[in-house]
Amino acid sequence: MSKFTIHTLESAPDKSKPLLENSHKAYHMIPNLHGVMAEASSLLAGYQQLGTLFEQTSFNAQELTVVWQTVNVEHECHYCVPAHTGIAHSMKVDPALTEALRNRQPMPNDKLQALQDTVLILVRNRGHISDDEVKRFYDAGYAQQQLLEIILGIAMKVMSNYTNHVADTPVDKPFQQFAWDPKS
């Protein structure tokens, strides 16, 4: 596998510099993922925009975490699982939920289980979902809006998970304490 540059503000292509500045303002650091994505400014811009939009959906912090981590774990992303563990902690998400997601364990309630099940169905079946599966999702208290918002979250995670697979992005120091092995 070829080595990818983890860009800094100094080394980034000109179009990526303002995007990395945004990352630094938001996180007080430039995450390695963003540094890698900076090689293709359109990828970094798209990822940042999708992230902002997904955080503005109707999902609460627990539900955002369920979507993000379900996709991260399913895609076996060595970088995003620890990163989103740290993000979940900063969002005051119950650590028991985060651990359940990391370890492929059942969700703490039926509504979050329905959300996780639906995310997995969509990821594994490339967007195909049966009427019965949709009905179970709606019966849990969700609606068409949330079904479509899941797709936004999946799109965001495909961008980051695939980038990390290709680049073998090293986990940032603040998230190393949450290291995750997809084989465990």
C-alpha atoms as a PDB file:
ATOM      1  CA  MET A   1       0.000   0.000   0.000  1.00  0.00           C
ATOM      2  CA  SER A   2       1.345   3.418  -0.871  1.00  0.00           C
ATOM      3  CA  LYS A   3       1.907   5.972   1.861  1.00  0.00           C
ATOM      4  CA  PHE A   4      -0.443   8.931   1.910  1.00  0.00           C
ATOM      5  CA  THR A   5       0.618  12.373   3.023  1.00  0.00           C
ATOM      6  CA  ILE A   6      -1.029  13.665   6.169  1.00  0.00           C
ATOM      7  CA  HIS A   7      -1.143  17.322   5.237  1.00  0.00           C
ATOM      8  CA  THR A   8      -0.636  20.216   7.598  1.00  0.00           C
ATOM      9  CA  LEU A   9      -1.655  23.804   6.995  1.00  0.00           C
ATOM     10  CA  GLU A  10       1.786  24.357   5.496  1.00  0.00           C
ATOM     11  CA  SER A  11       1.865  21.348   3.164  1.00  0.00           C
ATOM     12  CA  ALA A  12      -1.768  21.244   2.032  1.00  0.00           C
ATOM     13  CA  PRO A  13      -2.809  22.184  -1.485  1.00  0.00           C
ATOM     14  CA  ASP A  14      -4.076  25.777  -1.568  1.00  0.00           C
ATOM     15  CA  LYS A  15      -7.743  24.787  -1.943  1.00  0.00           C
ATOM     16  CA  SER A  16      -7.505  22.616   1.166  1.00  0.00           C
ATOM     17  CA  LYS A  17      -5.872  25.158   3.457  1.00  0.00           C
ATOM     18  CA  PRO A  18      -9.111  26.932   4.473  1.00  0.00           C
ATOM     19  CA  LEU A  19     -10.751  23.540   5.021  1.00  0.00           C
ATOM     20  CA  LEU A  20      -7.945  22.462   7.341  1.00  0.00           C
ATOM     21  CA  GLU A  21      -8.245  25.797   9.141  1.00  0.00           C
ATOM     22  CA  ASN A  22     -11.923  24.948   9.718  1.00  0.00           C
ATOM     23  CA  SER A  23     -10.883  21.562  11.097  1.00  0.00           C
ATOM     24  CA  HIS A  24      -8.374  23.163  13.439  1.00  0.00           C
ATOM     25  CA  LYS A  25     -10.987  25.634  14.712  1.00  0.00           C
ATOM     26  CA  ALA A  26     -13.507  22.850  15.299  1.00  0.00           C
ATOM     27  CA  TYR A  27     -11.188  20.285  16.915  1.00  0.00           C
ATOM     28  CA  HIS A  28      -8.218  22.351  18.125  1.00  0.00           C
ATOM     29  CA  MET A  29      -6.131  20.035  15.968  1.00  0.00           C
ATOM     30  CA  ILE A  30      -6.155  18.731  12.417  1.00  0.00           C
ATOM     31  CA  PRO A  31      -7.379  15.141  12.555  1.00  0.00           C
ATOM     32  CA  ASN A  32      -5.179  12.812  10.518  1.00  0.00           C
ATOM     33  CA  LEU A  33      -8.218  11.875   8.414  1.00  0.00           C
ATOM     34  CA  HIS A  34      -8.647  15.500   7.382  1.00  0.00           C
ATOM     35  CA  GLY A  35      -4.936  15.764   6.680  1.00  0.00           C
ATOM     36  CA  VAL A  36      -5.153  12.784   4.331  1.00  0.00           C
ATOM     37  CA  MET A  37      -8.349  14.045   2.686  1.00  0.00           C
ATOM     38  CA  ALA A  38      -6.692  17.431   2.080  1.00  0.00           C
ATOM     39  CA  GLU A  39      -4.860  15.895  -0.887  1.00  0.00           C
ATOM     40  CA  ALA A  40      -8.245  16.066  -2.673  1.00  0.00           C
ATOM     41  CA  SER A  41      -9.890  19.288  -1.506  1.00  0.00           C
ATOM     42  CA  SER A  42     -13.247  18.274  -2.965  1.00  0.00           C
ATOM     43  CA  LEU A  43     -13.266  15.122  -0.805  1.00  0.00           C
ATOM     44  CA  LEU A  44     -12.449  17.066   2.358  1.00  0.00           C
ATOM     45  CA  ALA A  45     -15.018  19.762   1.532  1.00  0.00           C
ATOM     46  CA  GLY A  46     -17.687  17.152   0.863  1.00  0.00           C
ATOM     47  CA  TYR A  47     -16.884  15.277   4.040  1.00  0.00           C
ATOM     48  CA  GLN A  48     -17.012  18.396   6.169  1.00  0.00           C
ATOM     49  CA  GLN A  49     -20.293  19.506   4.603  1.00  0.00           C
ATOM     50  CA  LEU A  50     -21.913  16.084   5.015  1.00  0.00           C
ATOM     51  CA  GLY A  51     -20.746  15.990   8.630  1.00  0.00           C
ATOM     52  CA  THR A  52     -22.318  19.372   9.336  1.00  0.00           C
ATOM     53  CA  LEU A  53     -25.546  18.367   7.624  1.00  0.00           C
ATOM     54  CA  PHE A  54     -25.749  15.018   9.397  1.00  0.00           C
ATOM     55  CA  GLU A  55     -25.287  16.661  12.788  1.00  0.00           C
ATOM     56  CA  GLN A  56     -28.244  18.925  11.905  1.00  0.00           C
ATOM     57  CA  THR A  57     -30.620  16.022  11.289  1.00  0.00           C
ATOM     58  CA  SER A  58     -33.455  15.062  13.617  1.00  0.00           C
ATOM     59  CA  PHE A  59     -31.260  12.478  15.368  1.00  0.00           C
ATOM     60  CA  ASN A  60     -30.137  13.088  18.948  1.00  0.00           C
ATOM     61  CA  ALA A  61     -26.568  12.413  20.144  1.00  0.00           C
ATOM     62  CA  GLN A  62     -27.262   8.740  20.900  1.00  0.00           C
ATOM     63  CA  GLU A  63     -28.863   8.171  17.511  1.00  0.00           C
ATOM     64  CA  LEU A  64     -26.067   9.965  15.648  1.00  0.00           C
ATOM     65  CA  THR A  65     -23.615   7.724  17.470  1.00  0.00           C
ATOM     66  CA  VAL A  66     -25.598   4.599  16.580  1.00  0.00           C
ATOM     67  CA  VAL A  67     -25.534   5.495  12.884  1.00  0.00           C
ATOM     68  CA  TRP A  68     -21.854   6.496  12.844  1.00  0.00           C
ATOM     69  CA  GLN A  69     -20.539   3.588  14.891  1.00  0.00           C
ATOM     70  CA  THR A  70     -22.743   0.971  13.257  1.00  0.00           C
ATOM     71  CA  VAL A  71     -21.291   1.886   9.872  1.00  0.00           C
ATOM     72  CA  ASN A  72     -17.756   2.223  11.264  1.00  0.00           C
ATOM     73  CA  VAL A  73     -17.871  -1.220  12.881  1.00  0.00           C
ATOM     74  CA  GLU A  74     -19.527  -2.852   9.870  1.00  0.00           C
ATOM     75  CA  HIS A  75     -16.840  -1.351   7.621  1.00  0.00           C
ATOM     76  CA  GLU A  76     -14.151  -2.357  10.148  1.00  0.00           C
ATOM     77  CA  CYS A  77     -12.652   1.128  10.240  1.00  0.00           C
ATOM     78  CA  HIS A  78      -9.631   1.089  12.549  1.00  0.00           C
ATOM     79  CA  TYR A  79      -9.590   4.904  12.634  1.00  0.00           C
ATOM     80  CA  CYS A  80     -13.253   5.926  12.875  1.00  0.00           C
ATOM     81  CA  VAL A  81     -14.291   3.558  15.658  1.00  0.00           C
ATOM     82  CA  PRO A  82     -11.811   5.095  18.152  1.00  0.00           C
ATOM     83  CA  ALA A  83     -12.455   8.613  16.851  1.00  0.00           C
ATOM     84  CA  HIS A  84     -16.220   8.286  17.236  1.00  0.00           C
ATOM     85  CA  THR A  85     -15.770   6.720  20.650  1.00  0.00           C
ATOM     86  CA  GLY A  86     -14.031   9.919  21.707  1.00  0.00           C
ATOM     87  CA  ILE A  87     -16.644  12.045  19.959  1.00  0.00           C
ATOM     88  CA  ALA A  88     -19.435  10.114  21.702  1.00  0.00           C
ATOM     89  CA  HIS A  89     -17.778  10.778  25.072  1.00  0.00           C
ATOM     90  CA  SER A  90     -17.588  14.491  24.260  1.00  0.00           C
ATOM     91  CA  MET A  91     -21.290  14.406  23.310  1.00  0.00           C
ATOM     92  CA  LYS A  92     -22.092  12.823  26.719  1.00  0.00           C
ATOM     93  CA  VAL A  93     -23.364   9.593  25.133  1.00  0.00           C
ATOM     94  CA  ASP A  94     -23.642   6.763  27.656  1.00  0.00           C
ATOM     95  CA  PRO A  95     -20.364   4.785  27.515  1.00  0.00           C
ATOM     96  CA  ALA A  96     -22.389   1.555  27.762  1.00  0.00           C
ATOM     97  CA  LEU A  97     -23.985   2.384  24.386  1.00  0.00           C
ATOM     98  CA  THR A  98     -20.599   3.115  22.853  1.00  0.00           C
ATOM     99  CA  GLU A  99     -19.183  -0.162  24.144  1.00  0.00           C
ATOM    100  CA  ALA A 100     -22.195  -2.103  22.869  1.00  0.00           C
ATOM    101  CA  LEU A 101     -21.691  -0.602  19.417  1.00  0.00           C
ATOM    102  CA  ARG A 102     -17.941  -1.301  19.409  1.00  0.00           C
ATOM    103  CA  ASN A 103     -18.530  -4.909  20.479  1.00  0.00           C
ATOM    104  CA  ARG A 104     -21.525  -5.676  18.222  1.00  0.00           C
ATOM    105  CA  GLN A 105     -23.797  -6.182  21.224  1.00  0.00           C
ATOM    106  CA  PRO A 106     -27.545  -5.454  21.438  1.00  0.00           C
ATOM    107  CA  MET A 107     -28.698  -1.878  21.861  1.00  0.00           C
ATOM    108  CA  PRO A 108     -30.088  -0.772  25.257  1.00  0.00           C
ATOM    109  CA  ASN A 109     -33.633  -0.241  23.975  1.00  0.00           C
ATOM    110  CA  ASP A 110     -35.926  -1.301  21.135  1.00  0.00           C
ATOM    111  CA  LYS A 111     -35.855   2.070  19.371  1.00  0.00           C
ATOM    112  CA  LEU A 112     -32.060   2.192  19.124  1.00  0.00           C
ATOM    113  CA  GLN A 113     -32.036  -1.481  18.125  1.00  0.00           C
ATOM    114  CA  ALA A 114     -34.441  -0.703  15.271  1.00  0.00           C
ATOM    115  CA  LEU A 115     -32.159   2.134  14.194  1.00  0.00           C
ATOM    116  CA  GLN A 116     -29.071  -0.063  14.257  1.00  0.00           C
ATOM    117  CA  ASP A 117     -30.863  -2.895  12.441  1.00  0.00           C
ATOM    118  CA  THR A 118     -32.010  -0.505   9.714  1.00  0.00           C
ATOM    119  CA  VAL A 119     -28.534   0.982   9.262  1.00  0.00           C
ATOM    120  CA  LEU A 120     -27.074  -2.527   8.905  1.00  0.00           C
ATOM    121  CA  ILE A 121     -29.759  -3.542   6.413  1.00  0.00           C
ATOM    122  CA  LEU A 122     -29.071  -0.478   4.278  1.00  0.00           C
ATOM    123  CA  VAL A 123     -25.282  -0.913   4.399  1.00  0.00           C
ATOM    124  CA  ARG A 124     -25.268  -4.658   3.804  1.00  0.00           C
ATOM    125  CA  ASN A 125     -27.913  -4.543   1.065  1.00  0.00           C
ATOM    126  CA  ARG A 126     -26.575  -1.410  -0.650  1.00  0.00           C
ATOM    127  CA  GLY A 127     -29.711   0.585   0.085  1.00  0.00           C
ATOM    128  CA  HIS A 128     -32.238  -2.152  -0.535  1.00  0.00           C
ATOM    129  CA  ILE A 129     -34.780  -2.621   2.254  1.00  0.00           C
ATOM    130  CA  SER A 130     -38.015  -4.603   2.325  1.00  0.00           C
ATOM    131  CA  ASP A 131     -41.423  -3.209   3.194  1.00  0.00           C
ATOM    132  CA  ASP A 132     -41.458  -5.312   6.384  1.00  0.00           C
ATOM    133  CA  GLU A 133     -38.072  -3.929   7.442  1.00  0.00           C
ATOM    134  CA  VAL A 134     -39.243  -0.359   6.819  1.00  0.00           C
ATOM    135  CA  LYS A 135     -42.418  -1.059   8.806  1.00  0.00           C
ATOM    136  CA  ARG A 136     -40.347  -2.283  11.784  1.00  0.00           C
ATOM    137  CA  PHE A 137     -38.335   0.931  11.629  1.00  0.00           C
ATOM    138  CA  TYR A 138     -41.482   3.072  11.550  1.00  0.00           C
ATOM    139  CA  ASP A 139     -43.127   0.997  14.296  1.00  0.00           C
ATOM    140  CA  ALA A 140     -40.148   1.826  16.523  1.00  0.00           C
ATOM    141  CA  GLY A 141     -41.032   5.521  16.284  1.00  0.00           C
ATOM    142  CA  TYR A 142     -39.123   6.695  13.235  1.00  0.00           C
ATOM    143  CA  ALA A 143     -40.446   8.143   9.972  1.00  0.00           C
ATOM    144  CA  GLN A 144     -39.440   8.645   6.339  1.00  0.00           C
ATOM    145  CA  GLN A 145     -37.304  11.633   7.302  1.00  0.00           C
ATOM    146  CA  GLN A 146     -35.085   9.516   9.550  1.00  0.00           C
ATOM    147  CA  LEU A 147     -34.843   6.745   6.954  1.00  0.00           C
ATOM    148  CA  LEU A 148     -33.472   9.290   4.492  1.00  0.00           C
ATOM    149  CA  GLU A 149     -31.213  10.868   7.122  1.00  0.00           C
ATOM    150  CA  ILE A 150     -29.593   7.468   7.693  1.00  0.00           C
ATOM    151  CA  ILE A 151     -28.532   7.544   4.040  1.00  0.00           C
ATOM    152  CA  LEU A 152     -26.805  10.884   4.640  1.00  0.00           C
ATOM    153  CA  GLY A 153     -24.921   9.397   7.595  1.00  0.00           C
ATOM    154  CA  ILE A 154     -23.910   6.340   5.598  1.00  0.00           C
ATOM    155  CA  ALA A 155     -22.615   8.537   2.764  1.00  0.00           C
ATOM    156  CA  MET A 156     -20.482  10.479   5.224  1.00  0.00           C
ATOM    157  CA  LYS A 157     -19.055   7.309   6.749  1.00  0.00           C
ATOM    158  CA  VAL A 158     -18.307   5.733   3.367  1.00  0.00           C
ATOM    159  CA  MET A 159     -16.107   8.737   2.610  1.00  0.00           C
ATOM    160  CA  SER A 160     -14.148   8.470   5.843  1.00  0.00           C
ATOM    161  CA  ASN A 161     -14.059   4.687   6.219  1.00  0.00           C
ATOM    162  CA  TYR A 162     -12.897   4.111   2.660  1.00  0.00           C
ATOM    163  CA  THR A 163     -10.286   6.868   2.908  1.00  0.00           C
ATOM    164  CA  ASN A 164      -8.915   5.280   6.069  1.00  0.00           C
ATOM    165  CA  HIS A 165      -8.800   1.853   4.458  1.00  0.00           C
ATOM    166  CA  VAL A 166      -6.911   3.152   1.434  1.00  0.00           C
ATOM    167  CA  ALA A 167      -4.568   5.419   3.401  1.00  0.00           C
ATOM    168  CA  ASP A 168      -4.202   3.307   6.563  1.00  0.00           C
ATOM    169  CA  THR A 169      -4.662   6.565   8.451  1.00  0.00           C
ATOM    170  CA  PRO A 170      -2.970   6.528  11.860  1.00  0.00           C
ATOM    171  CA  VAL A 171      -5.307   7.115  14.801  1.00  0.00           C
ATOM    172  CA  ASP A 172      -4.883  10.564  16.344  1.00  0.00           C
ATOM    173  CA  LYS A 173      -3.226  10.712  19.754  1.00  0.00           C
ATOM    174  CA  PRO A 174      -6.388  11.834  21.618  1.00  0.00           C
ATOM    175  CA  PHE A 175      -8.256   8.789  20.312  1.00  0.00           C
ATOM    176  CA  GLN A 176      -5.532   6.158  20.748  1.00  0.00           C
ATOM    177  CA  GLN A 177      -6.906   5.362  24.203  1.00  0.00           C
ATOM    178  CA  PHE A 178     -10.012   4.064  22.397  1.00  0.00           C
ATOM    179  CA  ALA A 179      -8.077   1.830  19.970  1.00  0.00           C
ATOM    180  CA  TRP A 180     -10.205  -0.837  18.355  1.00  0.00           C
ATOM    181  CA  ASP A 181      -9.256  -4.032  16.587  1.00  0.00           C
ATOM    182  CA  PRO A 182     -11.821  -5.152  14.002  1.00  0.00           C
ATOM    183  CA  LYS A 183     -10.655  -8.732  14.439  1.00  0.00           C
ATOM    184  CA  SER A 184     -11.536  -8.841  18.156  1.00  0.00           C
END
